[in-house]
Amino acid sequence: MSPFASRFRSIRKQHGLTQRELAKKLNISQSTIALYETGDRNPDPRTIISIADFFDVSIDYLLGRTDNPDPLPIDRAYQKALEAVSKNHSDKEVSDRIREFMRIGLHELTGKEITPYRLNIIMANIEAVLNEENSNGK
């Protein structure tokens, strides 16, 4: 059985859903769910994304590339930064969330931790742009 098949079945059961209930929620047939769970059929990329989003797990977890089911930290950091900006949180909270997003993102891109000094330079530039946009009424 493929890693996807066993993890998909396991996570469905952990959430206390029947194949029929999950099929309805994902807008696919129960027989398709059964085929995914036996490994006789693999979902297309969009369906994998839908499944990962529905169960709030990473695609890498579903595909067996990691044993950590949590979505990638960069995704969560990005969502928190967007939320802070879009909901007009305090400047400090927006700055903190953007800083965390940048720290995680740069680590993922380079494979190295960014130094606090370099992160402060990046943040100073981001904050300058945000302040300029705010002063221009955007």
N, C-alpha and C. Protein backbone atom coordinates (compact mmCIF):
# COMPACT_ATOMS: atom_id res chain seq x y z
N MET A 1 0.85 -1.18 0.00
CA MET A 1 0.00 0.00 0.00
C MET A 1 0.89 1.24 0.00
N SER A 2 0.51 2.24 -0.79
CA SER A 2 1.30 3.47 -0.89
C SER A 2 1.18 4.29 0.40
N PRO A 3 2.18 5.13 0.65
CA PRO A 3 2.09 6.00 1.84
C PRO A 3 0.82 6.85 1.81
N PHE A 4 0.46 7.36 0.62
CA PHE A 4 -0.74 8.17 0.53
C PHE A 4 -1.96 7.37 0.96
N ALA A 5 -2.12 6.17 0.43
CA ALA A 5 -3.29 5.35 0.73
C ALA A 5 -3.44 5.10 2.23
N SER A 6 -2.35 4.69 2.87
CA SER A 6 -2.45 4.37 4.30
C SER A 6 -2.66 5.63 5.13
N ARG A 7 -2.01 6.72 4.77
CA ARG A 7 -2.18 7.96 5.55
C ARG A 7 -3.57 8.54 5.34
N PHE A 8 -4.04 8.48 4.12
CA PHE A 8 -5.37 9.01 3.82
C PHE A 8 -6.43 8.26 4.63
N ARG A 9 -6.35 6.94 4.62
CA ARG A 9 -7.31 6.13 5.38
C ARG A 9 -7.20 6.42 6.88
N SER A 10 -5.97 6.48 7.37
CA SER A 10 -5.73 6.73 8.79
C SER A 10 -6.27 8.08 9.23
N ILE A 11 -6.00 9.10 8.46
CA ILE A 11 -6.43 10.45 8.85
C ILE A 11 -7.95 10.58 8.77
N ARG A 12 -8.56 9.90 7.80
CA ARG A 12 -10.03 9.92 7.72
C ARG A 12 -10.61 9.31 9.00
N LYS A 13 -10.06 8.18 9.41
CA LYS A 13 -10.55 7.51 10.62
C LYS A 13 -10.28 8.35 11.87
N GLN A 14 -9.12 8.98 11.93
CA GLN A 14 -8.80 9.85 13.08
C GLN A 14 -9.82 10.96 13.24
N HIS A 15 -10.36 11.42 12.12
CA HIS A 15 -11.35 12.49 12.16
C HIS A 15 -12.78 11.95 12.32
N GLY A 16 -12.89 10.63 12.48
CA GLY A 16 -14.19 10.02 12.73
C GLY A 16 -15.16 10.11 11.57
N LEU A 17 -14.63 10.10 10.36
CA LEU A 17 -15.47 10.21 9.17
C LEU A 17 -15.59 8.88 8.45
N THR A 18 -16.76 8.59 7.95
CA THR A 18 -16.92 7.44 7.08
C THR A 18 -16.47 7.84 5.68
N GLN A 19 -16.28 6.86 4.84
CA GLN A 19 -15.93 7.16 3.45
C GLN A 19 -17.02 8.02 2.81
N ARG A 20 -18.25 7.68 3.08
CA ARG A 20 -19.39 8.43 2.51
C ARG A 20 -19.39 9.88 2.97
N GLU A 21 -19.17 10.11 4.27
CA GLU A 21 -19.16 11.48 4.81
C GLU A 21 -18.03 12.30 4.19
N LEU A 22 -16.84 11.68 4.10
CA LEU A 22 -15.72 12.40 3.53
C LEU A 22 -15.94 12.68 2.05
N ALA A 23 -16.49 11.73 1.34
CA ALA A 23 -16.77 11.92 -0.09
C ALA A 23 -17.68 13.13 -0.29
N LYS A 24 -18.68 13.23 0.54
CA LYS A 24 -19.61 14.35 0.43
C LYS A 24 -18.90 15.68 0.70
N LYS A 25 -18.06 15.70 1.72
CA LYS A 25 -17.34 16.93 2.08
C LYS A 25 -16.34 17.35 1.01
N LEU A 26 -15.71 16.36 0.36
CA LEU A 26 -14.72 16.66 -0.68
C LEU A 26 -15.33 16.75 -2.07
N ASN A 27 -16.62 16.46 -2.16
CA ASN A 27 -17.36 16.50 -3.43
C ASN A 27 -16.78 15.51 -4.45
N ILE A 28 -16.51 14.29 -3.95
CA ILE A 28 -16.10 13.20 -4.82
C ILE A 28 -16.88 11.96 -4.41
N SER A 29 -16.85 10.92 -5.22
CA SER A 29 -17.66 9.74 -4.92
C SER A 29 -17.03 8.88 -3.81
N GLN A 30 -17.90 8.13 -3.15
CA GLN A 30 -17.42 7.22 -2.11
C GLN A 30 -16.51 6.15 -2.72
N SER A 31 -16.83 5.71 -3.93
CA SER A 31 -15.99 4.68 -4.55
C SER A 31 -14.58 5.23 -4.84
N THR A 32 -14.48 6.51 -5.14
CA THR A 32 -13.17 7.12 -5.35
C THR A 32 -12.37 7.14 -4.05
N ILE A 33 -13.05 7.47 -2.95
CA ILE A 33 -12.40 7.43 -1.64
C ILE A 33 -11.87 6.02 -1.37
N ALA A 34 -12.69 5.02 -1.64
CA ALA A 34 -12.29 3.63 -1.41
C ALA A 34 -11.08 3.27 -2.27
N LEU A 35 -11.06 3.71 -3.51
CA LEU A 35 -9.93 3.42 -4.39
C LEU A 35 -8.65 4.11 -3.91
N TYR A 36 -8.79 5.34 -3.40
CA TYR A 36 -7.62 6.04 -2.85
C TYR A 36 -7.08 5.27 -1.65
N GLU A 37 -7.96 4.76 -0.81
CA GLU A 37 -7.54 4.08 0.42
C GLU A 37 -6.90 2.72 0.15
N THR A 38 -7.27 2.09 -0.94
CA THR A 38 -6.66 0.79 -1.27
C THR A 38 -5.40 0.97 -2.12
N GLY A 39 -5.19 2.17 -2.60
CA GLY A 39 -4.04 2.44 -3.46
C GLY A 39 -4.27 2.06 -4.91
N ASP A 40 -5.51 1.70 -5.25
CA ASP A 40 -5.82 1.33 -6.63
C ASP A 40 -5.97 2.56 -7.53
N ARG A 41 -6.05 3.71 -6.93
CA ARG A 41 -6.15 4.96 -7.68
C ARG A 41 -5.47 6.07 -6.88
N ASN A 42 -4.85 7.00 -7.57
CA ASN A 42 -4.21 8.14 -6.92
C ASN A 42 -4.94 9.42 -7.30
N PRO A 43 -5.08 10.31 -6.34
CA PRO A 43 -5.76 11.57 -6.64
C PRO A 43 -4.90 12.48 -7.52
N ASP A 44 -5.57 13.35 -8.26
CA ASP A 44 -4.85 14.34 -9.06
C ASP A 44 -4.33 15.43 -8.11
N PRO A 45 -3.43 16.28 -8.57
CA PRO A 45 -2.84 17.30 -7.68
C PRO A 45 -3.87 18.21 -7.00
N ARG A 46 -4.90 18.62 -7.70
CA ARG A 46 -5.91 19.49 -7.06
C ARG A 46 -6.62 18.78 -5.93
N THR A 47 -6.89 17.50 -6.12
CA THR A 47 -7.57 16.74 -5.07
C THR A 47 -6.66 16.56 -3.87
N ILE A 48 -5.37 16.34 -4.11
CA ILE A 48 -4.42 16.21 -3.00
C ILE A 48 -4.40 17.52 -2.20
N ILE A 49 -4.40 18.64 -2.89
CA ILE A 49 -4.43 19.94 -2.21
C ILE A 49 -5.71 20.07 -1.39
N SER A 50 -6.83 19.70 -1.97
CA SER A 50 -8.11 19.77 -1.25
C SER A 50 -8.11 18.90 0.00
N ILE A 51 -7.55 17.72 -0.12
CA ILE A 51 -7.49 16.80 1.02
C ILE A 51 -6.58 17.38 2.11
N ALA A 52 -5.42 17.88 1.70
CA ALA A 52 -4.50 18.48 2.67
C ALA A 52 -5.15 19.68 3.37
N ASP A 53 -5.82 20.52 2.61
CA ASP A 53 -6.50 21.68 3.20
C ASP A 53 -7.62 21.25 4.13
N PHE A 54 -8.39 20.26 3.71
CA PHE A 54 -9.52 19.80 4.52
C PHE A 54 -9.05 19.27 5.88
N PHE A 55 -8.00 18.46 5.86
CA PHE A 55 -7.51 17.86 7.10
C PHE A 55 -6.45 18.71 7.80
N ASP A 56 -6.08 19.82 7.19
CA ASP A 56 -5.06 20.73 7.73
C ASP A 56 -3.75 20.00 7.99
N VAL A 57 -3.30 19.28 6.95
CA VAL A 57 -2.01 18.58 6.99
C VAL A 57 -1.22 19.01 5.76
N SER A 58 0.07 18.74 5.79
CA SER A 58 0.89 19.09 4.63
C SER A 58 0.74 18.03 3.54
N ILE A 59 0.95 18.48 2.33
CA ILE A 59 0.94 17.56 1.19
C ILE A 59 2.09 16.57 1.34
N ASP A 60 3.23 17.05 1.81
CA ASP A 60 4.38 16.16 2.02
C ASP A 60 4.03 15.03 2.98
N TYR A 61 3.23 15.32 3.99
CA TYR A 61 2.81 14.27 4.93
C TYR A 61 1.93 13.25 4.21
N LEU A 62 0.96 13.73 3.45
CA LEU A 62 0.07 12.82 2.74
C LEU A 62 0.83 11.91 1.77
N LEU A 63 1.87 12.46 1.16
CA LEU A 63 2.62 11.69 0.17
C LEU A 63 3.75 10.86 0.77
N GLY A 64 3.92 10.95 2.09
CA GLY A 64 4.92 10.13 2.76
C GLY A 64 6.32 10.71 2.74
N ARG A 65 6.45 12.01 2.42
CA ARG A 65 7.78 12.63 2.37
C ARG A 65 8.24 13.10 3.75
N THR A 66 7.30 13.20 4.68
CA THR A 66 7.63 13.58 6.06
C THR A 66 6.66 12.87 6.99
N ASP A 67 7.09 12.69 8.23
CA ASP A 67 6.19 12.11 9.23
C ASP A 67 5.48 13.18 10.04
N ASN A 68 5.79 14.43 9.76
CA ASN A 68 5.16 15.55 10.46
C ASN A 68 3.93 15.99 9.67
N PRO A 69 2.72 15.80 10.24
CA PRO A 69 1.52 16.16 9.50
C PRO A 69 1.24 17.66 9.41
N ASP A 70 1.92 18.45 10.24
CA ASP A 70 1.64 19.88 10.24
C ASP A 70 1.97 20.49 8.89
N PRO A 71 1.09 21.40 8.43
CA PRO A 71 1.42 22.11 7.18
C PRO A 71 2.74 22.85 7.37
N LEU A 72 3.38 23.14 6.29
CA LEU A 72 4.68 23.79 6.34
C LEU A 72 4.62 25.07 7.15
N PRO A 73 5.60 25.30 8.01
CA PRO A 73 5.61 26.51 8.83
C PRO A 73 5.53 27.78 8.01
N ILE A 74 6.11 27.78 6.82
CA ILE A 74 6.07 28.98 5.98
C ILE A 74 4.63 29.30 5.59
N ASP A 75 3.83 28.27 5.34
CA ASP A 75 2.43 28.51 4.97
C ASP A 75 1.67 29.17 6.11
N ARG A 76 1.87 28.65 7.31
CA ARG A 76 1.20 29.24 8.47
C ARG A 76 1.68 30.66 8.73
N ALA A 77 2.98 30.88 8.62
CA ALA A 77 3.54 32.21 8.86
C ALA A 77 3.01 33.20 7.82
N TYR A 78 2.92 32.76 6.59
CA TYR A 78 2.41 33.61 5.52
C TYR A 78 0.95 33.98 5.79
N GLN A 79 0.14 32.99 6.15
CA GLN A 79 -1.27 33.25 6.43
C GLN A 79 -1.43 34.22 7.60
N LYS A 80 -0.64 34.06 8.64
CA LYS A 80 -0.71 34.95 9.79
C LYS A 80 -0.31 36.37 9.42
N ALA A 81 0.72 36.50 8.58
CA ALA A 81 1.14 37.83 8.14
C ALA A 81 0.05 38.49 7.31
N LEU A 82 -0.54 37.74 6.38
CA LEU A 82 -1.63 38.30 5.57
C LEU A 82 -2.82 38.70 6.43
N GLU A 83 -3.15 37.86 7.38
CA GLU A 83 -4.27 38.15 8.28
C GLU A 83 -4.01 39.43 9.06
N ALA A 84 -2.81 39.58 9.57
CA ALA A 84 -2.48 40.78 10.35
C ALA A 84 -2.60 42.04 9.51
N VAL A 85 -2.14 41.97 8.28
CA VAL A 85 -2.20 43.13 7.39
C VAL A 85 -3.65 43.41 6.99
N SER A 86 -4.37 42.37 6.57
CA SER A 86 -5.73 42.58 6.06
C SER A 86 -6.72 42.97 7.14
N LYS A 87 -6.47 42.57 8.38
CA LYS A 87 -7.41 42.90 9.46
C LYS A 87 -6.95 44.11 10.27
N ASN A 88 -5.97 44.83 9.74
CA ASN A 88 -5.49 46.06 10.37
C ASN A 88 -5.08 45.86 11.83
N HIS A 89 -4.32 44.81 12.09
CA HIS A 89 -3.77 44.60 13.43
C HIS A 89 -2.79 45.73 13.73
N SER A 90 -2.34 45.79 14.95
CA SER A 90 -1.39 46.83 15.34
C SER A 90 -0.12 46.72 14.50
N ASP A 91 0.57 47.85 14.36
CA ASP A 91 1.81 47.86 13.59
C ASP A 91 2.81 46.85 14.13
N LYS A 92 2.88 46.73 15.45
CA LYS A 92 3.82 45.79 16.05
C LYS A 92 3.45 44.36 15.68
N GLU A 93 2.17 44.02 15.74
CA GLU A 93 1.76 42.66 15.42
C GLU A 93 2.02 42.36 13.94
N VAL A 94 1.72 43.32 13.07
CA VAL A 94 2.00 43.13 11.64
C VAL A 94 3.50 42.91 11.45
N SER A 95 4.30 43.75 12.08
CA SER A 95 5.75 43.65 11.96
C SER A 95 6.25 42.30 12.48
N ASP A 96 5.74 41.86 13.63
CA ASP A 96 6.16 40.59 14.21
C ASP A 96 5.82 39.41 13.29
N ARG A 97 4.63 39.47 12.71
CA ARG A 97 4.22 38.37 11.84
C ARG A 97 5.00 38.36 10.53
N ILE A 98 5.26 39.53 9.98
CA ILE A 98 6.06 39.60 8.76
C ILE A 98 7.48 39.13 9.06
N ARG A 99 8.02 39.54 10.20
CA ARG A 99 9.37 39.12 10.61
C ARG A 99 9.44 37.59 10.69
N GLU A 100 8.45 36.96 11.29
CA GLU A 100 8.45 35.50 11.43
C GLU A 100 8.34 34.84 10.05
N PHE A 101 7.50 35.39 9.19
CA PHE A 101 7.38 34.87 7.83
C PHE A 101 8.72 34.95 7.10
N MET A 102 9.39 36.08 7.22
CA MET A 102 10.67 36.26 6.55
C MET A 102 11.72 35.31 7.12
N ARG A 103 11.75 35.16 8.43
CA ARG A 103 12.72 34.27 9.06
C ARG A 103 12.55 32.84 8.56
N ILE A 104 11.32 32.36 8.58
CA ILE A 104 11.05 30.98 8.15
C ILE A 104 11.30 30.83 6.65
N GLY A 105 10.80 31.80 5.88
CA GLY A 105 10.94 31.72 4.43
C GLY A 105 12.38 31.73 3.97
N LEU A 106 13.17 32.60 4.55
CA LEU A 106 14.58 32.66 4.15
C LEU A 106 15.32 31.40 4.57
N HIS A 107 14.94 30.83 5.70
CA HIS A 107 15.55 29.56 6.12
C HIS A 107 15.22 28.46 5.13
N GLU A 108 13.95 28.42 4.70
CA GLU A 108 13.56 27.39 3.73
C GLU A 108 14.26 27.58 2.40
N LEU A 109 14.45 28.82 1.98
CA LEU A 109 15.10 29.08 0.70
C LEU A 109 16.59 28.78 0.72
N THR A 110 17.24 29.13 1.81
CA THR A 110 18.70 29.02 1.86
C THR A 110 19.19 27.79 2.61
N GLY A 111 18.34 27.24 3.46
CA GLY A 111 18.75 26.12 4.30
C GLY A 111 19.56 26.57 5.51
N LYS A 112 19.67 27.87 5.70
CA LYS A 112 20.44 28.41 6.82
C LYS A 112 19.58 29.39 7.60
N GLU A 113 19.88 29.49 8.89
CA GLU A 113 19.20 30.49 9.71
C GLU A 113 19.71 31.87 9.31
N ILE A 114 18.80 32.83 9.24
CA ILE A 114 19.21 34.20 8.94
C ILE A 114 19.67 34.85 10.24
N THR A 115 20.70 35.67 10.15
CA THR A 115 21.19 36.34 11.35
C THR A 115 20.21 37.44 11.76
N PRO A 116 20.12 37.71 13.05
CA PRO A 116 19.24 38.79 13.50
C PRO A 116 19.57 40.13 12.81
N TYR A 117 20.85 40.38 12.59
CA TYR A 117 21.27 41.62 11.94
C TYR A 117 20.66 41.74 10.54
N ARG A 118 20.79 40.69 9.75
CA ARG A 118 20.25 40.72 8.39
C ARG A 118 18.73 40.78 8.39
N LEU A 119 18.10 40.07 9.32
CA LEU A 119 16.65 40.11 9.43
C LEU A 119 16.19 41.53 9.78
N ASN A 120 16.93 42.20 10.66
CA ASN A 120 16.59 43.58 11.01
C ASN A 120 16.70 44.52 9.80
N ILE A 121 17.69 44.31 8.96
CA ILE A 121 17.83 45.13 7.75
C ILE A 121 16.64 44.91 6.81
N ILE A 122 16.28 43.65 6.60
CA ILE A 122 15.14 43.33 5.74
C ILE A 122 13.87 43.96 6.30
N MET A 123 13.66 43.80 7.61
CA MET A 123 12.46 44.33 8.24
C MET A 123 12.42 45.86 8.17
N ALA A 124 13.56 46.51 8.32
CA ALA A 124 13.60 47.97 8.23
C ALA A 124 13.14 48.41 6.84
N ASN A 125 13.53 47.69 5.82
CA ASN A 125 13.11 48.02 4.46
C ASN A 125 11.62 47.77 4.25
N ILE A 126 11.13 46.65 4.75
CA ILE A 126 9.70 46.35 4.63
C ILE A 126 8.88 47.40 5.37
N GLU A 127 9.29 47.73 6.58
CA GLU A 127 8.56 48.72 7.37
C GLU A 127 8.59 50.10 6.69
N ALA A 128 9.70 50.43 6.06
CA ALA A 128 9.79 51.71 5.34
C ALA A 128 8.79 51.74 4.20
N VAL A 129 8.67 50.65 3.47
CA VAL A 129 7.70 50.58 2.37
C VAL A 129 6.28 50.68 2.91
N LEU A 130 5.98 49.94 3.98
CA LEU A 130 4.64 49.99 4.56
C LEU A 130 4.32 51.39 5.07
N ASN A 131 5.28 52.03 5.72
CA ASN A 131 5.05 53.38 6.23
C ASN A 131 4.83 54.37 5.09
N GLU A 132 5.58 54.20 4.01
CA GLU A 132 5.41 55.09 2.86
C GLU A 132 4.02 54.91 2.23
N GLU A 133 3.58 53.65 2.11
CA GLU A 133 2.25 53.40 1.55
C GLU A 133 1.18 53.98 2.47
N ASN A 134 1.35 53.86 3.77
CA ASN A 134 0.37 54.40 4.71
C ASN A 134 0.33 55.93 4.63
N SER A 135 1.46 56.56 4.48
CA SER A 135 1.49 58.01 4.43
C SER A 135 0.95 58.54 3.10
N ASN A 136 0.98 57.71 2.06
CA ASN A 136 0.42 58.10 0.76
C ASN A 136 -1.06 57.78 0.65
N GLY A 137 -1.63 57.23 1.74
CA GLY A 137 -3.06 56.94 1.77
C GLY A 137 -3.46 55.68 1.04
N LYS A 138 -2.54 54.79 0.83
CA LYS A 138 -2.89 53.53 0.14
C LYS A 138 -3.34 52.50 1.12
